Amino acid sequence: MLPVVDFCFKELLQNGKVRLGLTAALLGRRTEEIQNTFLLPTILQRGRKGGKEGILDVRVVLREGTQMDMEMQVDYFEFWEERILFYLCRMFAEQLERGDSYEKLKKCVHVSILDFIYFPQDHECCRKIHFRDDKTGQSYSDKLEIQILELRKLPEIIPEGDDVMMWMRFFSGRRREDFERMAKMNEYLDEAYGTLLVLSADEKKRLEYEARERALRDFNTQMYSAEKRGEMRGELKKAERVLKELLARGFSVEEGAAITEIDIEKAKDIFKDWM
């Protein structure tokens, strides 16, 4: 199994020790400070009747109330940015019931671990995003935080003591040697590797994993095919526009068809409609 597949990622974080190690790394805190984490339901409530429901990958709450939503994404899809904001804001607002004081609101963090490059303009593989003043850079609030980890940008050599990058290296592993090497880094990565071995040996889990992997592969193929069909339709529309311009300038249907590489019968139909 590969952790980059969301099914495997979710199963790994069912392990409390793995969850604790990853959470501490992402928050930049010692595990002793956190002590424990708890999984929350991953379906967000609708804010109103008929409102949109949100489904999170892994949702964690710390003892002091900080909440984290962690997800693994292997491909970019349209409106991905809006989806992150929707989930983060819904998670934040869901903390209050009618009549509750705003002081009850605790920090909410969204973490996206990406197996694709989202920011192509630089080489930064880890980002923390907050509300800040555009002019001064002063923080407005740290109650909402977005972390984006781009696995494809991970450097060959990881800076010593960078726990987040060590977890990224583990998640981007493809071979047994990769996982064995990372397992030696600390007890939490060792626990993650042990859990991965148990999951891989579980026939039922393996079938679920393979079904999810197959679904992702089929989805990506369908998206690629749809994109190619869209490109072909776009090229045909463009060729039809050029043909009409040629006809308007006095070119014959045969000449226009030859220039635009449109089938002659199709070109004649376009000419009839155009006339």
Protein backbone atom coordinates (compact mmCIF):
# COMPACT_ATOMS: atom_id res chain seq x y z
CA MET A 1 0.00 0.00 0.00
CA LEU A 2 1.08 3.58 -0.63
CA PRO A 3 0.22 6.38 1.86
CA VAL A 4 -0.38 8.76 -1.04
CA VAL A 5 -3.67 6.93 -1.76
CA ASP A 6 -6.29 8.59 0.45
CA PHE A 7 -7.71 5.27 1.72
CA CYS A 8 -4.30 4.26 3.08
CA PHE A 9 -3.72 7.75 4.51
CA LYS A 10 -7.01 7.62 6.44
CA GLU A 11 -6.28 4.14 7.75
CA LEU A 12 -2.82 5.18 8.97
CA LEU A 13 -4.30 8.04 10.97
CA GLN A 14 -6.71 5.72 12.75
CA ASN A 15 -3.61 4.83 14.80
CA GLY A 16 -3.44 7.26 17.73
CA LYS A 17 0.36 7.30 17.94
CA VAL A 18 0.74 8.00 14.21
CA ARG A 19 -1.87 10.74 14.48
CA LEU A 20 -0.10 12.28 17.47
CA GLY A 21 3.30 12.31 15.76
CA LEU A 22 1.98 13.90 12.56
CA THR A 23 -0.16 16.46 14.42
CA ALA A 24 2.75 17.55 16.62
CA ALA A 25 4.98 17.96 13.56
CA LEU A 26 2.41 20.05 11.69
CA LEU A 27 1.78 22.32 14.68
CA GLY A 28 5.47 22.60 15.55
CA ARG A 29 4.92 21.30 19.06
CA ARG A 30 6.34 18.49 21.18
CA THR A 31 4.15 15.42 21.50
CA GLU A 32 4.27 15.83 25.30
CA GLU A 33 2.46 19.15 24.93
CA ILE A 34 -0.36 17.58 22.95
CA GLN A 35 -0.58 14.30 24.91
CA ASN A 36 -3.48 12.97 22.86
CA THR A 37 -5.69 13.55 19.85
CA PHE A 38 -9.23 12.43 19.11
CA LEU A 39 -10.94 11.67 15.81
CA LEU A 40 -14.12 13.61 15.09
CA PRO A 41 -16.94 12.72 12.68
CA THR A 42 -15.80 13.64 9.17
CA ILE A 43 -19.20 14.79 7.91
CA LEU A 44 -19.78 18.50 8.55
CA GLN A 45 -23.28 19.63 9.42
CA ARG A 46 -25.30 21.61 6.92
CA GLY A 47 -25.38 25.24 7.99
CA ARG A 48 -28.98 25.61 6.90
CA LYS A 49 -31.77 23.60 5.34
CA GLY A 50 -30.66 22.56 1.87
CA GLY A 51 -27.10 23.71 2.57
CA LYS A 52 -24.09 21.87 1.17
CA GLU A 53 -22.70 18.99 3.19
CA GLY A 54 -18.94 18.70 3.68
CA ILE A 55 -16.98 15.45 3.99
CA LEU A 56 -13.46 15.65 5.39
CA ASP A 57 -10.70 13.05 5.07
CA VAL A 58 -9.34 13.02 8.63
CA ARG A 59 -10.62 15.37 11.33
CA VAL A 60 -8.74 15.65 14.63
CA VAL A 61 -9.34 17.63 17.81
CA LEU A 62 -6.70 18.30 20.48
CA ARG A 63 -7.39 18.42 24.21
CA GLU A 64 -7.44 22.23 24.29
CA GLY A 65 -9.93 22.34 21.39
CA THR A 66 -7.77 23.02 18.31
CA GLN A 67 -9.22 21.18 15.31
CA MET A 68 -7.41 19.90 12.23
CA ASP A 69 -8.70 18.62 8.92
CA MET A 70 -6.09 16.61 7.00
CA GLU A 71 -6.46 15.34 3.46
CA MET A 72 -4.38 13.65 0.78
CA GLN A 73 -4.88 14.80 -2.82
CA VAL A 74 -3.20 13.15 -5.81
CA ASP A 75 -4.62 15.43 -8.53
CA TYR A 76 -5.77 19.02 -8.85
CA PHE A 77 -9.42 19.60 -9.64
CA GLU A 78 -11.43 22.71 -10.42
CA PHE A 79 -12.57 24.85 -7.46
CA TRP A 80 -10.09 23.08 -5.16
CA GLU A 81 -9.24 26.42 -3.46
CA GLU A 82 -12.91 27.23 -2.81
CA ARG A 83 -13.47 23.74 -1.42
CA ILE A 84 -10.68 24.20 1.14
CA LEU A 85 -12.12 27.54 2.28
CA PHE A 86 -15.61 26.05 2.50
CA TYR A 87 -14.48 23.18 4.73
CA LEU A 88 -12.28 25.36 6.93
CA CYS A 89 -14.96 28.01 7.49
CA ARG A 90 -17.66 25.41 8.10
CA MET A 91 -15.43 23.61 10.63
CA PHE A 92 -14.77 26.93 12.42
CA ALA A 93 -18.44 27.99 12.52
CA GLU A 94 -19.64 24.55 13.60
CA GLN A 95 -18.02 25.03 17.03
CA LEU A 96 -20.79 27.37 18.20
CA GLU A 97 -24.38 26.61 19.03
CA ARG A 98 -27.09 29.27 19.17
CA GLY A 99 -26.37 31.67 22.03
CA ASP A 100 -22.73 30.59 22.53
CA SER A 101 -20.05 33.22 23.14
CA TYR A 102 -17.43 33.83 20.44
CA GLU A 103 -14.72 33.16 23.02
CA LYS A 104 -15.49 29.46 22.62
CA LEU A 105 -14.04 29.50 19.11
CA LYS A 106 -10.78 27.55 18.89
CA LYS A 107 -8.15 27.42 16.18
CA CYS A 108 -8.97 25.40 13.05
CA VAL A 109 -6.28 24.16 10.68
CA HIS A 110 -6.71 22.66 7.23
CA VAL A 111 -3.81 20.56 5.91
CA SER A 112 -3.63 19.51 2.25
CA ILE A 113 -0.90 17.02 1.36
CA LEU A 114 -0.58 17.20 -2.41
CA ASP A 115 0.99 14.74 -4.82
CA PHE A 116 1.04 17.45 -7.48
CA ILE A 117 2.60 20.90 -7.79
CA TYR A 118 0.19 23.70 -6.95
CA PHE A 119 2.64 26.65 -6.76
CA PRO A 120 4.90 26.22 -9.82
CA GLN A 121 6.56 29.62 -9.38
CA ASP A 122 8.85 28.56 -6.51
CA HIS A 123 10.46 25.58 -4.78
CA GLU A 124 8.83 25.90 -1.35
CA CYS A 125 7.33 22.54 -0.42
CA CYS A 126 5.67 23.57 2.89
CA ARG A 127 3.39 26.57 3.40
CA LYS A 128 1.41 28.01 6.29
CA ILE A 129 -1.24 30.53 5.26
CA HIS A 130 -2.95 32.99 7.64
CA PHE A 131 -4.97 36.22 7.56
CA ARG A 132 -2.50 39.13 7.38
CA ASP A 133 -2.55 42.85 6.66
CA ASP A 134 -1.59 43.34 3.00
CA LYS A 135 0.52 46.42 3.73
CA THR A 136 2.26 45.67 7.04
CA GLY A 137 2.19 41.87 7.04
CA GLN A 138 0.85 42.00 10.60
CA SER A 139 -1.20 38.96 11.61
CA TYR A 140 -4.93 39.59 11.95
CA SER A 141 -5.75 36.23 13.53
CA ASP A 142 -4.21 32.78 13.77
CA LYS A 143 -7.58 31.13 14.40
CA LEU A 144 -7.78 30.02 10.75
CA GLU A 145 -4.77 28.34 9.16
CA ILE A 146 -4.14 26.52 5.88
CA GLN A 147 -1.11 24.30 5.41
CA ILE A 148 -0.17 23.08 1.94
CA LEU A 149 2.49 20.39 1.56
CA GLU A 150 3.64 19.66 -2.01
CA LEU A 151 5.28 16.22 -2.07
CA ARG A 152 6.70 16.67 -5.58
CA LYS A 153 8.84 19.61 -4.38
CA LEU A 154 10.49 17.77 -1.51
CA PRO A 155 14.28 18.30 -1.68
CA GLU A 156 16.65 15.35 -1.90
CA ILE A 157 18.28 16.27 1.41
CA ILE A 158 15.94 17.02 4.31
CA PRO A 159 17.16 19.64 6.82
CA GLU A 160 18.05 18.02 10.13
CA GLY A 161 15.20 18.16 12.63
CA ASP A 162 12.51 19.09 10.08
CA ASP A 163 9.74 16.76 11.24
CA VAL A 164 7.21 17.94 8.64
CA MET A 165 9.55 17.11 5.76
CA MET A 166 10.29 13.72 7.30
CA TRP A 167 6.58 12.93 7.26
CA MET A 168 6.37 14.19 3.69
CA ARG A 169 9.20 11.85 2.72
CA PHE A 170 7.32 8.96 4.32
CA PHE A 171 4.07 9.82 2.53
CA SER A 172 5.83 10.09 -0.82
CA GLY A 173 7.56 6.71 -0.40
CA ARG A 174 7.17 4.19 -3.21
CA ARG A 175 9.48 1.34 -2.19
CA ARG A 176 9.99 -0.74 0.94
CA GLU A 177 13.49 0.74 1.34
CA ASP A 178 11.98 4.26 1.46
CA PHE A 179 9.71 3.34 4.35
CA GLU A 180 12.38 1.35 6.20
CA ARG A 181 14.78 4.30 6.03
CA MET A 182 12.17 6.75 7.34
CA ALA A 183 11.08 4.35 10.11
CA LYS A 184 14.53 4.78 11.68
CA MET A 185 14.05 8.55 12.05
CA ASN A 186 11.72 8.51 15.07
CA GLU A 187 9.26 6.31 16.95
CA TYR A 188 6.21 7.86 15.28
CA LEU A 189 7.43 7.16 11.75
CA ASP A 190 8.38 3.67 12.92
CA GLU A 191 4.81 3.23 14.17
CA ALA A 192 3.49 4.48 10.82
CA TYR A 193 5.61 1.94 8.94
CA GLY A 194 4.48 -0.86 11.26
CA THR A 195 0.86 0.13 10.68
CA LEU A 196 1.46 0.19 6.93
CA LEU A 197 2.78 -3.38 7.06
CA VAL A 198 -0.26 -4.54 9.04
CA LEU A 199 -2.64 -2.85 6.59
CA SER A 200 -0.83 -4.38 3.61
CA ALA A 201 -1.17 -7.86 5.14
CA ASP A 202 -4.91 -7.44 5.84
CA GLU A 203 -6.75 -8.98 2.87
CA LYS A 204 -9.96 -6.99 3.43
CA LYS A 205 -8.06 -3.70 3.76
CA ARG A 206 -6.00 -4.53 0.68
CA LEU A 207 -9.14 -5.13 -1.39
CA GLU A 208 -10.58 -1.81 -0.21
CA TYR A 209 -7.28 -0.09 -1.01
CA GLU A 210 -7.14 -1.61 -4.50
CA ALA A 211 -10.75 -0.63 -5.15
CA ARG A 212 -9.99 2.96 -4.16
CA GLU A 213 -6.79 3.01 -6.22
CA ARG A 214 -8.73 1.66 -9.21
CA ALA A 215 -11.46 4.29 -8.73
CA LEU A 216 -8.86 7.08 -8.67
CA ARG A 217 -7.20 5.70 -11.80
CA ASP A 218 -10.55 5.43 -13.62
CA PHE A 219 -11.52 8.95 -12.56
CA ASN A 220 -8.22 10.38 -13.81
CA THR A 221 -8.64 8.54 -17.12
CA GLN A 222 -12.18 9.87 -17.52
CA MET A 223 -11.05 13.41 -16.73
CA TYR A 224 -8.21 13.15 -19.25
CA SER A 225 -10.57 11.77 -21.92
CA ALA A 226 -13.09 14.56 -21.25
CA GLU A 227 -10.31 17.13 -21.49
CA LYS A 228 -9.12 15.68 -24.82
CA ARG A 229 -12.69 15.66 -26.15
CA GLY A 230 -13.02 19.28 -25.07
CA GLU A 231 -9.79 20.16 -26.87
CA MET A 232 -10.99 18.43 -30.04
CA ARG A 233 -14.35 20.24 -29.90
CA GLY A 234 -12.51 23.51 -29.34
CA GLU A 235 -10.25 22.88 -32.33
CA LEU A 236 -13.24 22.03 -34.52
CA LYS A 237 -15.07 25.22 -33.49
CA LYS A 238 -11.97 27.25 -34.27
CA ALA A 239 -11.63 25.57 -37.70
CA GLU A 240 -15.29 26.32 -38.43
CA ARG A 241 -14.79 30.01 -37.60
CA VAL A 242 -11.76 30.16 -39.90
CA LEU A 243 -13.73 28.45 -42.68
CA LYS A 244 -16.52 31.03 -42.42
CA GLU A 245 -13.97 33.85 -42.59
CA LEU A 246 -12.44 32.30 -45.73
CA LEU A 247 -15.86 31.93 -47.34
CA ALA A 248 -16.62 35.57 -46.54
CA ARG A 249 -13.41 36.57 -48.32
CA GLY A 250 -14.43 34.74 -51.49
CA PHE A 251 -12.71 31.38 -51.06
CA SER A 252 -14.60 28.37 -52.43
CA VAL A 253 -15.92 25.65 -50.14
CA GLU A 254 -13.28 23.24 -51.49
CA GLU A 255 -10.46 25.73 -50.85
CA GLY A 256 -11.71 26.49 -47.34
CA ALA A 257 -12.03 22.78 -46.53
CA ALA A 258 -8.48 22.12 -47.71
CA ILE A 259 -7.03 25.00 -45.66
CA THR A 260 -8.90 24.17 -42.44
CA GLU A 261 -8.69 20.37 -42.93
CA ILE A 262 -12.44 20.08 -42.41
CA ASP A 263 -14.18 17.20 -44.21
CA ILE A 264 -15.61 18.48 -47.50
CA GLU A 265 -19.16 17.30 -46.74
CA LYS A 266 -18.98 18.97 -43.30
CA ALA A 267 -17.69 22.13 -44.99
CA LYS A 268 -20.63 22.11 -47.41
CA ASP A 269 -23.09 21.82 -44.49
CA ILE A 270 -21.37 24.74 -42.74
CA PHE A 271 -21.58 26.75 -45.98
CA LYS A 272 -25.34 26.05 -46.29
CA ASP A 273 -25.98 27.12 -42.66
CA TRP A 274 -23.78 30.19 -43.10
CA MET A 275 -25.66 31.27 -46.24
